[in-house]
Amino acid sequence: MAQFRAKKLDLSCFVNVRVIRDHTKRKVFEQYETQRQALRYIIRNTTLPPRARAQAQLQLSQMHAYTRSTQINNRCIEGGKSRGVFRHFRMARYPFRMNALEGNIPGVKKASW
């Protein structure tokens, strides 16, 4: 993990270590996404020789875990919680509610009918 972390990281915008880790995972995944897709294409292509496909599979298995999309977990940018997070706003339920009531989120208002 330390190999991917930026040398200079502005910690003022992060709440806790989990949010920093999530940020790092997202950046690493974005960086290696095309490489992983190419390897997966080679593995699935049955017209290629088995040796080339096996080499691609070995390279893919040796890549760092942070390069996988399944490692990314949606976390609240305010509290760092991983449950009850609205994807579009990247906020947990309670912080979302408080910010919406204060009018800090554009386009969101309390429903009344």
PDB file of N, CA and C in Angstrom:
ATOM      1  N   MET A   1       0.825  -1.191   0.000  1.00  0.00           N
ATOM      2  CA  MET A   1       0.000   0.000   0.000  1.00  0.00           C
ATOM      3  C   MET A   1       0.864   1.247   0.000  1.00  0.00           C
ATOM      4  N   ALA A   2       1.950   1.221   0.739  1.00  0.00           N
ATOM      5  CA  ALA A   2       2.798   2.402   0.814  1.00  0.00           C
ATOM      6  C   ALA A   2       3.428   2.731  -0.535  1.00  0.00           C
ATOM      7  N   GLN A   3       3.569   1.716  -1.382  1.00  0.00           N
ATOM      8  CA  GLN A   3       4.180   1.965  -2.686  1.00  0.00           C
ATOM      9  C   GLN A   3       3.300   2.819  -3.573  1.00  0.00           C
ATOM     10  N   PHE A   4       1.987   2.842  -3.325  1.00  0.00           N
ATOM     11  CA  PHE A   4       1.073   3.606  -4.150  1.00  0.00           C
ATOM     12  C   PHE A   4       0.758   4.979  -3.572  1.00  0.00           C
ATOM     13  N   ARG A   5       0.966   5.175  -2.282  1.00  0.00           N
ATOM     14  CA  ARG A   5       0.590   6.427  -1.653  1.00  0.00           C
ATOM     15  C   ARG A   5       1.466   7.568  -2.160  1.00  0.00           C
ATOM     16  N   ALA A   6       0.852   8.702  -2.350  1.00  0.00           N
ATOM     17  CA  ALA A   6       1.579   9.868  -2.850  1.00  0.00           C
ATOM     18  C   ALA A   6       2.599  10.328  -1.817  1.00  0.00           C
ATOM     19  N   LYS A   7       3.711  10.851  -2.299  1.00  0.00           N
ATOM     20  CA  LYS A   7       4.764  11.317  -1.385  1.00  0.00           C
ATOM     21  C   LYS A   7       4.284  12.522  -0.575  1.00  0.00           C
ATOM     22  N   LYS A   8       3.630  13.451  -1.254  1.00  0.00           N
ATOM     23  CA  LYS A   8       3.071  14.624  -0.595  1.00  0.00           C
ATOM     24  C   LYS A   8       1.559  14.541  -0.713  1.00  0.00           C
ATOM     25  N   LEU A   9       0.874  14.391   0.405  1.00  0.00           N
ATOM     26  CA  LEU A   9      -0.572  14.243   0.403  1.00  0.00           C
ATOM     27  C   LEU A   9      -1.155  15.255   1.368  1.00  0.00           C
ATOM     28  N   ASP A  10      -2.055  16.081   0.861  1.00  0.00           N
ATOM     29  CA  ASP A  10      -2.704  17.082   1.699  1.00  0.00           C
ATOM     30  C   ASP A  10      -3.729  16.383   2.585  1.00  0.00           C
ATOM     31  N   LEU A  11      -3.430  16.238   3.872  1.00  0.00           N
ATOM     32  CA  LEU A  11      -4.287  15.489   4.787  1.00  0.00           C
ATOM     33  C   LEU A  11      -5.451  16.301   5.328  1.00  0.00           C
ATOM     34  N   SER A  12      -5.536  17.567   4.975  1.00  0.00           N
ATOM     35  CA  SER A  12      -6.591  18.409   5.535  1.00  0.00           C
ATOM     36  C   SER A  12      -7.973  18.022   5.036  1.00  0.00           C
ATOM     37  N   CYS A  13      -8.057  17.402   3.846  1.00  0.00           N
ATOM     38  CA  CYS A  13      -9.368  17.059   3.295  1.00  0.00           C
ATOM     39  C   CYS A  13      -9.807  15.646   3.676  1.00  0.00           C
ATOM     40  N   PHE A  14      -8.968  14.882   4.377  1.00  0.00           N
ATOM     41  CA  PHE A  14      -9.311  13.515   4.752  1.00  0.00           C
ATOM     42  C   PHE A  14      -9.678  13.436   6.227  1.00  0.00           C
ATOM     43  N   VAL A  15     -10.658  12.591   6.535  1.00  0.00           N
ATOM     44  CA  VAL A  15     -11.148  12.475   7.900  1.00  0.00           C
ATOM     45  C   VAL A  15     -10.333  11.474   8.697  1.00  0.00           C
ATOM     46  N   ASN A  16     -10.119  10.285   8.136  1.00  0.00           N
ATOM     47  CA  ASN A  16      -9.368   9.261   8.842  1.00  0.00           C
ATOM     48  C   ASN A  16      -8.597   8.395   7.846  1.00  0.00           C
ATOM     49  N   VAL A  17      -7.917   7.385   8.365  1.00  0.00           N
ATOM     50  CA  VAL A  17      -7.046   6.548   7.547  1.00  0.00           C
ATOM     51  C   VAL A  17      -7.835   5.778   6.495  1.00  0.00           C
ATOM     52  N   ARG A  18      -9.041   5.371   6.832  1.00  0.00           N
ATOM     53  CA  ARG A  18      -9.841   4.596   5.878  1.00  0.00           C
ATOM     54  C   ARG A  18     -10.175   5.415   4.628  1.00  0.00           C
ATOM     55  N   VAL A  19     -10.426   6.681   4.803  1.00  0.00           N
ATOM     56  CA  VAL A  19     -10.737   7.545   3.662  1.00  0.00           C
ATOM     57  C   VAL A  19      -9.485   7.747   2.808  1.00  0.00           C
ATOM     58  N   ILE A  20      -8.328   7.872   3.437  1.00  0.00           N
ATOM     59  CA  ILE A  20      -7.070   7.982   2.698  1.00  0.00           C
ATOM     60  C   ILE A  20      -6.835   6.714   1.892  1.00  0.00           C
ATOM     61  N   ARG A  21      -7.082   5.557   2.517  1.00  0.00           N
ATOM     62  CA  ARG A  21      -6.908   4.276   1.836  1.00  0.00           C
ATOM     63  C   ARG A  21      -7.866   4.155   0.656  1.00  0.00           C
ATOM     64  N   ASP A  22      -9.106   4.588   0.850  1.00  0.00           N
ATOM     65  CA  ASP A  22     -10.085   4.552  -0.235  1.00  0.00           C
ATOM     66  C   ASP A  22      -9.645   5.444  -1.392  1.00  0.00           C
ATOM     67  N   HIS A  23      -9.154   6.618  -1.068  1.00  0.00           N
ATOM     68  CA  HIS A  23      -8.661   7.544  -2.090  1.00  0.00           C
ATOM     69  C   HIS A  23      -7.504   6.914  -2.871  1.00  0.00           C
ATOM     70  N   THR A  24      -6.583   6.276  -2.147  1.00  0.00           N
ATOM     71  CA  THR A  24      -5.441   5.620  -2.785  1.00  0.00           C
ATOM     72  C   THR A  24      -5.904   4.498  -3.702  1.00  0.00           C
ATOM     73  N   LYS A  25      -6.859   3.682  -3.229  1.00  0.00           N
ATOM     74  CA  LYS A  25      -7.364   2.570  -4.038  1.00  0.00           C
ATOM     75  C   LYS A  25      -8.009   3.072  -5.326  1.00  0.00           C
ATOM     76  N   ARG A  26      -8.764   4.156  -5.230  1.00  0.00           N
ATOM     77  CA  ARG A  26      -9.417   4.697  -6.420  1.00  0.00           C
ATOM     78  C   ARG A  26      -8.394   5.195  -7.445  1.00  0.00           C
ATOM     79  N   LYS A  27      -7.352   5.865  -6.975  1.00  0.00           N
ATOM     80  CA  LYS A  27      -6.335   6.372  -7.889  1.00  0.00           C
ATOM     81  C   LYS A  27      -5.558   5.236  -8.547  1.00  0.00           C
ATOM     82  N   VAL A  28      -5.202   4.210  -7.768  1.00  0.00           N
ATOM     83  CA  VAL A  28      -4.447   3.077  -8.300  1.00  0.00           C
ATOM     84  C   VAL A  28      -5.290   2.307  -9.306  1.00  0.00           C
ATOM     85  N   PHE A  29      -6.575   2.098  -8.982  1.00  0.00           N
ATOM     86  CA  PHE A  29      -7.452   1.391  -9.918  1.00  0.00           C
ATOM     87  C   PHE A  29      -7.553   2.145 -11.233  1.00  0.00           C
ATOM     88  N   GLU A  30      -7.706   3.450 -11.151  1.00  0.00           N
ATOM     89  CA  GLU A  30      -7.810   4.271 -12.364  1.00  0.00           C
ATOM     90  C   GLU A  30      -6.528   4.187 -13.197  1.00  0.00           C
ATOM     91  N   GLN A  31      -5.397   4.127 -12.514  1.00  0.00           N
ATOM     92  CA  GLN A  31      -4.107   4.100 -13.194  1.00  0.00           C
ATOM     93  C   GLN A  31      -3.889   2.776 -13.937  1.00  0.00           C
ATOM     94  N   TYR A  32      -4.317   1.649 -13.342  1.00  0.00           N
ATOM     95  CA  TYR A  32      -4.037   0.330 -13.900  1.00  0.00           C
ATOM     96  C   TYR A  32      -5.228  -0.298 -14.627  1.00  0.00           C
ATOM     97  N   GLU A  33      -6.323   0.413 -14.764  1.00  0.00           N
ATOM     98  CA  GLU A  33      -7.537  -0.165 -15.343  1.00  0.00           C
ATOM     99  C   GLU A  33      -7.327  -0.647 -16.778  1.00  0.00           C
ATOM    100  N   THR A  34      -6.696   0.146 -17.618  1.00  0.00           N
ATOM    101  CA  THR A  34      -6.509  -0.248 -19.020  1.00  0.00           C
ATOM    102  C   THR A  34      -5.589  -1.462 -19.135  1.00  0.00           C
ATOM    103  N   GLN A  35      -4.570  -1.514 -18.305  1.00  0.00           N
ATOM    104  CA  GLN A  35      -3.647  -2.643 -18.324  1.00  0.00           C
ATOM    105  C   GLN A  35      -4.371  -3.934 -17.923  1.00  0.00           C
ATOM    106  N   ARG A  36      -5.205  -3.850 -16.899  1.00  0.00           N
ATOM    107  CA  ARG A  36      -5.969  -5.024 -16.461  1.00  0.00           C
ATOM    108  C   ARG A  36      -6.959  -5.464 -17.545  1.00  0.00           C
ATOM    109  N   GLN A  37      -7.606  -4.515 -18.198  1.00  0.00           N
ATOM    110  CA  GLN A  37      -8.558  -4.861 -19.252  1.00  0.00           C
ATOM    111  C   GLN A  37      -7.853  -5.555 -20.421  1.00  0.00           C
ATOM    112  N   ALA A  38      -6.665  -5.093 -20.765  1.00  0.00           N
ATOM    113  CA  ALA A  38      -5.911  -5.719 -21.847  1.00  0.00           C
ATOM    114  C   ALA A  38      -5.544  -7.157 -21.497  1.00  0.00           C
ATOM    115  N   LEU A  39      -5.081  -7.366 -20.269  1.00  0.00           N
ATOM    116  CA  LEU A  39      -4.730  -8.723 -19.843  1.00  0.00           C
ATOM    117  C   LEU A  39      -5.958  -9.626 -19.820  1.00  0.00           C
ATOM    118  N   ARG A  40      -7.067  -9.115 -19.355  1.00  0.00           N
ATOM    119  CA  ARG A  40      -8.288  -9.917 -19.316  1.00  0.00           C
ATOM    120  C   ARG A  40      -8.767 -10.259 -20.725  1.00  0.00           C
ATOM    121  N   TYR A  41      -8.580  -9.355 -21.659  1.00  0.00           N
ATOM    122  CA  TYR A  41      -8.946  -9.625 -23.058  1.00  0.00           C
ATOM    123  C   TYR A  41      -8.074 -10.750 -23.616  1.00  0.00           C
ATOM    124  N   ILE A  42      -6.790 -10.712 -23.324  1.00  0.00           N
ATOM    125  CA  ILE A  42      -5.874 -11.751 -23.794  1.00  0.00           C
ATOM    126  C   ILE A  42      -6.256 -13.104 -23.200  1.00  0.00           C
ATOM    127  N   ILE A  43      -6.599 -13.129 -21.929  1.00  0.00           N
ATOM    128  CA  ILE A  43      -6.961 -14.379 -21.259  1.00  0.00           C
ATOM    129  C   ILE A  43      -8.222 -14.981 -21.878  1.00  0.00           C
ATOM    130  N   ARG A  44      -9.180 -14.152 -22.216  1.00  0.00           N
ATOM    131  CA  ARG A  44     -10.453 -14.637 -22.744  1.00  0.00           C
ATOM    132  C   ARG A  44     -10.421 -14.969 -24.241  1.00  0.00           C
ATOM    133  N   ASN A  45      -9.408 -14.488 -24.942  1.00  0.00           N
ATOM    134  CA  ASN A  45      -9.314 -14.704 -26.379  1.00  0.00           C
ATOM    135  C   ASN A  45      -8.829 -16.133 -26.652  1.00  0.00           C
ATOM    136  N   THR A  46      -9.720 -16.975 -27.155  1.00  0.00           N
ATOM    137  CA  THR A  46      -9.381 -18.383 -27.366  1.00  0.00           C
ATOM    138  C   THR A  46      -8.565 -18.612 -28.627  1.00  0.00           C
ATOM    139  N   THR A  47      -8.457 -17.622 -29.500  1.00  0.00           N
ATOM    140  CA  THR A  47      -7.677 -17.788 -30.728  1.00  0.00           C
ATOM    141  C   THR A  47      -6.176 -17.653 -30.478  1.00  0.00           C
ATOM    142  N   LEU A  48      -5.800 -17.069 -29.363  1.00  0.00           N
ATOM    143  CA  LEU A  48      -4.374 -16.921 -29.036  1.00  0.00           C
ATOM    144  C   LEU A  48      -3.814 -18.244 -28.522  1.00  0.00           C
ATOM    145  N   PRO A  49      -2.489 -18.427 -28.631  1.00  0.00           N
ATOM    146  CA  PRO A  49      -1.897 -19.671 -28.124  1.00  0.00           C
ATOM    147  C   PRO A  49      -2.036 -19.769 -26.601  1.00  0.00           C
ATOM    148  N   PRO A  50      -2.160 -20.977 -26.082  1.00  0.00           N
ATOM    149  CA  PRO A  50      -2.354 -21.164 -24.627  1.00  0.00           C
ATOM    150  C   PRO A  50      -1.215 -20.588 -23.782  1.00  0.00           C
ATOM    151  N   ARG A  51      -0.004 -20.600 -24.327  1.00  0.00           N
ATOM    152  CA  ARG A  51       1.137 -20.086 -23.564  1.00  0.00           C
ATOM    153  C   ARG A  51       0.991 -18.577 -23.308  1.00  0.00           C
ATOM    154  N   ALA A  52       0.577 -17.818 -24.331  1.00  0.00           N
ATOM    155  CA  ALA A  52       0.386 -16.368 -24.187  1.00  0.00           C
ATOM    156  C   ALA A  52      -0.735 -16.085 -23.196  1.00  0.00           C
ATOM    157  N   ARG A  53      -1.799 -16.883 -23.269  1.00  0.00           N
ATOM    158  CA  ARG A  53      -2.915 -16.696 -22.345  1.00  0.00           C
ATOM    159  C   ARG A  53      -2.501 -17.007 -20.912  1.00  0.00           C
ATOM    160  N   ALA A  54      -1.670 -18.038 -20.741  1.00  0.00           N
ATOM    161  CA  ALA A  54      -1.196 -18.402 -19.401  1.00  0.00           C
ATOM    162  C   ALA A  54      -0.285 -17.315 -18.830  1.00  0.00           C
ATOM    163  N   GLN A  55       0.544 -16.738 -19.704  1.00  0.00           N
ATOM    164  CA  GLN A  55       1.422 -15.643 -19.258  1.00  0.00           C
ATOM    165  C   GLN A  55       0.602 -14.441 -18.814  1.00  0.00           C
ATOM    166  N   ALA A  56      -0.439 -14.114 -19.569  1.00  0.00           N
ATOM    167  CA  ALA A  56      -1.305 -12.992 -19.200  1.00  0.00           C
ATOM    168  C   ALA A  56      -2.012 -13.258 -17.889  1.00  0.00           C
ATOM    169  N   GLN A  57      -2.428 -14.505 -17.692  1.00  0.00           N
ATOM    170  CA  GLN A  57      -3.100 -14.854 -16.442  1.00  0.00           C
ATOM    171  C   GLN A  57      -2.143 -14.732 -15.258  1.00  0.00           C
ATOM    172  N   LEU A  58      -0.902 -15.128 -15.465  1.00  0.00           N
ATOM    173  CA  LEU A  58       0.100 -15.010 -14.412  1.00  0.00           C
ATOM    174  C   LEU A  58       0.379 -13.546 -14.084  1.00  0.00           C
ATOM    175  N   GLN A  59       0.504 -12.713 -15.110  1.00  0.00           N
ATOM    176  CA  GLN A  59       0.721 -11.282 -14.879  1.00  0.00           C
ATOM    177  C   GLN A  59      -0.447 -10.659 -14.131  1.00  0.00           C
ATOM    178  N   LEU A  60      -1.661 -11.043 -14.512  1.00  0.00           N
ATOM    179  CA  LEU A  60      -2.852 -10.496 -13.859  1.00  0.00           C
ATOM    180  C   LEU A  60      -2.920 -10.913 -12.398  1.00  0.00           C
ATOM    181  N   SER A  61      -2.550 -12.146 -12.112  1.00  0.00           N
ATOM    182  CA  SER A  61      -2.614 -12.618 -10.725  1.00  0.00           C
ATOM    183  C   SER A  61      -1.519 -12.000  -9.865  1.00  0.00           C
ATOM    184  N   GLN A  62      -0.438 -11.541 -10.488  1.00  0.00           N
ATOM    185  CA  GLN A  62       0.657 -10.942  -9.729  1.00  0.00           C
ATOM    186  C   GLN A  62       0.489  -9.437  -9.519  1.00  0.00           C
ATOM    187  N   MET A  63      -0.532  -8.853 -10.126  1.00  0.00           N
ATOM    188  CA  MET A  63      -0.770  -7.420  -9.920  1.00  0.00           C
ATOM    189  C   MET A  63      -1.268  -7.179  -8.501  1.00  0.00           C
ATOM    190  N   HIS A  64      -1.034  -5.990  -8.010  1.00  0.00           N
ATOM    191  CA  HIS A  64      -1.428  -5.637  -6.645  1.00  0.00           C
ATOM    192  C   HIS A  64      -2.949  -5.675  -6.496  1.00  0.00           C
ATOM    193  N   ALA A  65      -3.410  -5.962  -5.297  1.00  0.00           N
ATOM    194  CA  ALA A  65      -4.853  -6.071  -5.040  1.00  0.00           C
ATOM    195  C   ALA A  65      -5.571  -4.740  -5.266  1.00  0.00           C
ATOM    196  N   TYR A  66      -4.885  -3.625  -5.069  1.00  0.00           N
ATOM    197  CA  TYR A  66      -5.521  -2.317  -5.218  1.00  0.00           C
ATOM    198  C   TYR A  66      -5.890  -2.011  -6.669  1.00  0.00           C
ATOM    199  N   THR A  67      -5.374  -2.804  -7.611  1.00  0.00           N
ATOM    200  CA  THR A  67      -5.702  -2.571  -9.001  1.00  0.00           C
ATOM    201  C   THR A  67      -7.058  -3.176  -9.370  1.00  0.00           C
ATOM    202  N   ARG A  68      -7.669  -3.921  -8.450  1.00  0.00           N
ATOM    203  CA  ARG A  68      -8.975  -4.545  -8.718  1.00  0.00           C
ATOM    204  C   ARG A  68     -10.103  -3.587  -8.371  1.00  0.00           C
ATOM    205  N   SER A  69     -11.166  -3.672  -9.149  1.00  0.00           N
ATOM    206  CA  SER A  69     -12.318  -2.801  -8.900  1.00  0.00           C
ATOM    207  C   SER A  69     -13.072  -3.207  -7.646  1.00  0.00           C
ATOM    208  N   THR A  70     -12.962  -4.469  -7.244  1.00  0.00           N
ATOM    209  CA  THR A  70     -13.688  -4.941  -6.059  1.00  0.00           C
ATOM    210  C   THR A  70     -13.100  -4.407  -4.761  1.00  0.00           C
ATOM    211  N   GLN A  71     -11.904  -3.866  -4.814  1.00  0.00           N
ATOM    212  CA  GLN A  71     -11.275  -3.329  -3.613  1.00  0.00           C
ATOM    213  C   GLN A  71     -11.827  -1.959  -3.233  1.00  0.00           C
ATOM    214  N   ILE A  72     -12.455  -1.289  -4.189  1.00  0.00           N
ATOM    215  CA  ILE A  72     -12.980   0.050  -3.921  1.00  0.00           C
ATOM    216  C   ILE A  72     -14.271  -0.065  -3.129  1.00  0.00           C
ATOM    217  N   ASN A  73     -14.328   0.667  -2.030  1.00  0.00           N
ATOM    218  CA  ASN A  73     -15.497   0.656  -1.169  1.00  0.00           C
ATOM    219  C   ASN A  73     -15.992   2.086  -1.023  1.00  0.00           C
ATOM    220  N   ASN A  74     -17.285   2.311  -1.253  1.00  0.00           N
ATOM    221  CA  ASN A  74     -17.821   3.654  -1.112  1.00  0.00           C
ATOM    222  C   ASN A  74     -17.783   4.075   0.349  1.00  0.00           C
ATOM    223  N   ARG A  75     -17.158   5.203   0.618  1.00  0.00           N
ATOM    224  CA  ARG A  75     -17.056   5.712   1.983  1.00  0.00           C
ATOM    225  C   ARG A  75     -17.547   7.145   2.036  1.00  0.00           C
ATOM    226  N   CYS A  76     -18.085   7.491   3.197  1.00  0.00           N
ATOM    227  CA  CYS A  76     -18.564   8.850   3.420  1.00  0.00           C
ATOM    228  C   CYS A  76     -17.365   9.791   3.478  1.00  0.00           C
ATOM    229  N   ILE A  77     -17.447  10.905   2.759  1.00  0.00           N
ATOM    230  CA  ILE A  77     -16.326  11.843   2.744  1.00  0.00           C
ATOM    231  C   ILE A  77     -16.272  12.675   4.018  1.00  0.00           C
ATOM    232  N   GLU A  78     -17.350  12.675   4.785  1.00  0.00           N
ATOM    233  CA  GLU A  78     -17.364  13.453   6.025  1.00  0.00           C
ATOM    234  C   GLU A  78     -16.985  12.621   7.238  1.00  0.00           C
ATOM    235  N   GLY A  79     -17.497  11.393   7.327  1.00  0.00           N
ATOM    236  CA  GLY A  79     -17.252  10.596   8.524  1.00  0.00           C
ATOM    237  C   GLY A  79     -16.446   9.350   8.299  1.00  0.00           C
ATOM    238  N   GLY A  80     -16.292   8.934   7.042  1.00  0.00           N
ATOM    239  CA  GLY A  80     -15.529   7.736   6.751  1.00  0.00           C
ATOM    240  C   GLY A  80     -16.329   6.450   6.877  1.00  0.00           C
ATOM    241  N   LYS A  81     -17.634   6.540   7.101  1.00  0.00           N
ATOM    242  CA  LYS A  81     -18.452   5.342   7.228  1.00  0.00           C
ATOM    243  C   LYS A  81     -18.570   4.639   5.875  1.00  0.00           C
ATOM    244  N   SER A  82     -18.728   3.304   5.940  1.00  0.00           N
ATOM    245  CA  SER A  82     -18.839   2.548   4.701  1.00  0.00           C
ATOM    246  C   SER A  82     -20.253   2.038   4.454  1.00  0.00           C
ATOM    247  N   ARG A  83     -21.133   2.215   5.406  1.00  0.00           N
ATOM    248  CA  ARG A  83     -22.502   1.725   5.242  1.00  0.00           C
ATOM    249  C   ARG A  83     -23.480   2.886   5.155  1.00  0.00           C
ATOM    250  N   GLY A  84     -24.517   2.684   4.394  1.00  0.00           N
ATOM    251  CA  GLY A  84     -25.535   3.719   4.247  1.00  0.00           C
ATOM    252  C   GLY A  84     -25.026   4.938   3.507  1.00  0.00           C
ATOM    253  N   VAL A  85     -24.212   4.716   2.488  1.00  0.00           N
ATOM    254  CA  VAL A  85     -23.605   5.821   1.741  1.00  0.00           C
ATOM    255  C   VAL A  85     -24.354   6.012   0.427  1.00  0.00           C
ATOM    256  N   PHE A  86     -24.790   7.239   0.156  1.00  0.00           N
ATOM    257  CA  PHE A  86     -25.393   7.579  -1.134  1.00  0.00           C
ATOM    258  C   PHE A  86     -24.270   7.765  -2.142  1.00  0.00           C
ATOM    259  N   ARG A  87     -24.260   6.958  -3.187  1.00  0.00           N
ATOM    260  CA  ARG A  87     -23.166   6.979  -4.158  1.00  0.00           C
ATOM    261  C   ARG A  87     -22.991   8.334  -4.818  1.00  0.00           C
ATOM    262  N   HIS A  88     -24.104   8.928  -5.228  1.00  0.00           N
ATOM    263  CA  HIS A  88     -24.034  10.174  -5.991  1.00  0.00           C
ATOM    264  C   HIS A  88     -23.408  11.302  -5.169  1.00  0.00           C
ATOM    265  N   PHE A  89     -23.674  11.321  -3.874  1.00  0.00           N
ATOM    266  CA  PHE A  89     -23.182  12.401  -3.012  1.00  0.00           C
ATOM    267  C   PHE A  89     -21.970  11.991  -2.192  1.00  0.00           C
ATOM    268  N   ARG A  90     -21.665  10.684  -2.140  1.00  0.00           N
ATOM    269  CA  ARG A  90     -20.574  10.124  -1.337  1.00  0.00           C
ATOM    270  C   ARG A  90     -20.681  10.562   0.121  1.00  0.00           C
ATOM    271  N   MET A  91     -21.913  10.502   0.646  1.00  0.00           N
ATOM    272  CA  MET A  91     -22.173  10.842   2.040  1.00  0.00           C
ATOM    273  C   MET A  91     -23.051   9.793   2.678  1.00  0.00           C
ATOM    274  N   ALA A  92     -22.841   9.568   3.960  1.00  0.00           N
ATOM    275  CA  ALA A  92     -23.702   8.664   4.713  1.00  0.00           C
ATOM    276  C   ALA A  92     -25.060   9.336   4.925  1.00  0.00           C
ATOM    277  N   ARG A  93     -26.008   8.567   5.444  1.00  0.00           N
ATOM    278  CA  ARG A  93     -27.382   9.080   5.572  1.00  0.00           C
ATOM    279  C   ARG A  93     -27.476  10.322   6.456  1.00  0.00           C
ATOM    280  N   TYR A  94     -26.876  10.257   7.642  1.00  0.00           N
ATOM    281  CA  TYR A  94     -27.042  11.373   8.581  1.00  0.00           C
ATOM    282  C   TYR A  94     -26.350  12.657   8.111  1.00  0.00           C
ATOM    283  N   PRO A  95     -25.083  12.603   7.706  1.00  0.00           N
ATOM    284  CA  PRO A  95     -24.462  13.831   7.172  1.00  0.00           C
ATOM    285  C   PRO A  95     -25.185  14.377   5.947  1.00  0.00           C
ATOM    286  N   PHE A  96     -25.712  13.478   5.115  1.00  0.00           N
ATOM    287  CA  PHE A  96     -26.474  13.922   3.953  1.00  0.00           C
ATOM    288  C   PHE A  96     -27.708  14.691   4.402  1.00  0.00           C
ATOM    289  N   ARG A  97     -28.399  14.155   5.397  1.00  0.00           N
ATOM    290  CA  ARG A  97     -29.612  14.805   5.896  1.00  0.00           C
ATOM    291  C   ARG A  97     -29.305  16.182   6.479  1.00  0.00           C
ATOM    292  N   MET A  98     -28.239  16.260   7.271  1.00  0.00           N
ATOM    293  CA  MET A  98     -27.879  17.527   7.895  1.00  0.00           C
ATOM    294  C   MET A  98     -27.487  18.573   6.839  1.00  0.00           C
ATOM    295  N   ASN A  99     -26.703  18.167   5.864  1.00  0.00           N
ATOM    296  CA  ASN A  99     -26.293  19.097   4.804  1.00  0.00           C
ATOM    297  C   ASN A  99     -27.466  19.507   3.929  1.00  0.00           C
ATOM    298  N   ALA A 100     -28.397  18.578   3.689  1.00  0.00           N
ATOM    299  CA  ALA A 100     -29.567  18.909   2.882  1.00  0.00           C
ATOM    300  C   ALA A 100     -30.471  19.901   3.609  1.00  0.00           C
ATOM    301  N   LEU A 101     -30.646  19.720   4.910  1.00  0.00           N
ATOM    302  CA  LEU A 101     -31.484  20.633   5.683  1.00  0.00           C
ATOM    303  C   LEU A 101     -30.876  22.031   5.773  1.00  0.00           C
ATOM    304  N   GLU A 102     -29.537  22.081   5.822  1.00  0.00           N
ATOM    305  CA  GLU A 102     -28.861  23.374   5.870  1.00  0.00           C
ATOM    306  C   GLU A 102     -28.823  24.046   4.496  1.00  0.00           C
ATOM    307  N   GLY A 103     -29.112  23.279   3.445  1.00  0.00           N
ATOM    308  CA  GLY A 103     -29.092  23.834   2.091  1.00  0.00           C
ATOM    309  C   GLY A 103     -27.728  23.813   1.443  1.00  0.00           C
ATOM    310  N   ASN A 104     -26.832  22.958   1.941  1.00  0.00           N
ATOM    311  CA  ASN A 104     -25.478  22.890   1.391  1.00  0.00           C
ATOM    312  C   ASN A 104     -25.376  22.037   0.134  1.00  0.00           C
ATOM    313  N   ILE A 105     -26.405  21.226  -0.132  1.00  0.00           N
ATOM    314  CA  ILE A 105     -26.395  20.354  -1.308  1.00  0.00           C
ATOM    315  C   ILE A 105     -27.337  20.935  -2.345  1.00  0.00           C
ATOM    316  N   PRO A 106     -26.820  21.398  -3.478  1.00  0.00           N
ATOM    317  CA  PRO A 106     -27.703  22.017  -4.476  1.00  0.00           C
ATOM    318  C   PRO A 106     -28.662  21.003  -5.093  1.00  0.00           C
ATOM    319  N   GLY A 107     -29.904  21.416  -5.266  1.00  0.00           N
ATOM    320  CA  GLY A 107     -30.898  20.556  -5.892  1.00  0.00           C
ATOM    321  C   GLY A 107     -31.601  19.615  -4.958  1.00  0.00           C
ATOM    322  N   VAL A 108     -31.251  19.629  -3.675  1.00  0.00           N
ATOM    323  CA  VAL A 108     -31.871  18.730  -2.711  1.00  0.00           C
ATOM    324  C   VAL A 108     -32.626  19.563  -1.692  1.00  0.00           C
ATOM    325  N   LYS A 109     -33.888  19.211  -1.493  1.00  0.00           N
ATOM    326  CA  LYS A 109     -34.666  19.892  -0.467  1.00  0.00           C
ATOM    327  C   LYS A 109     -35.568  18.890   0.212  1.00  0.00           C
ATOM    328  N   LYS A 110     -36.051  19.256   1.371  1.00  0.00           N
ATOM    329  CA  LYS A 110     -36.911  18.369   2.142  1.00  0.00           C
ATOM    330  C   LYS A 110     -38.244  18.185   1.433  1.00  0.00           C
ATOM    331  N   ALA A 111     -38.647  16.923   1.333  1.00  0.00           N
ATOM    332  CA  ALA A 111     -39.920  16.632   0.661  1.00  0.00           C
ATOM    333  C   ALA A 111     -41.081  16.972   1.568  1.00  0.00           C
ATOM    334  N   SER A 112     -42.141  17.500   0.976  1.00  0.00           N
ATOM    335  CA  SER A 112     -43.364  17.747   1.725  1.00  0.00           C
ATOM    336  C   SER A 112     -44.538  17.598   0.775  1.00  0.00           C
ATOM    337  N   TRP A 113     -45.522  16.844   1.189  1.00  0.00           N
ATOM    338  CA  TRP A 113     -46.707  16.637   0.374  1.00  0.00           C
ATOM    339  C   TRP A 113     -47.940  16.509   1.223  1.00  0.00           C
TER     340      TRP A 113
END
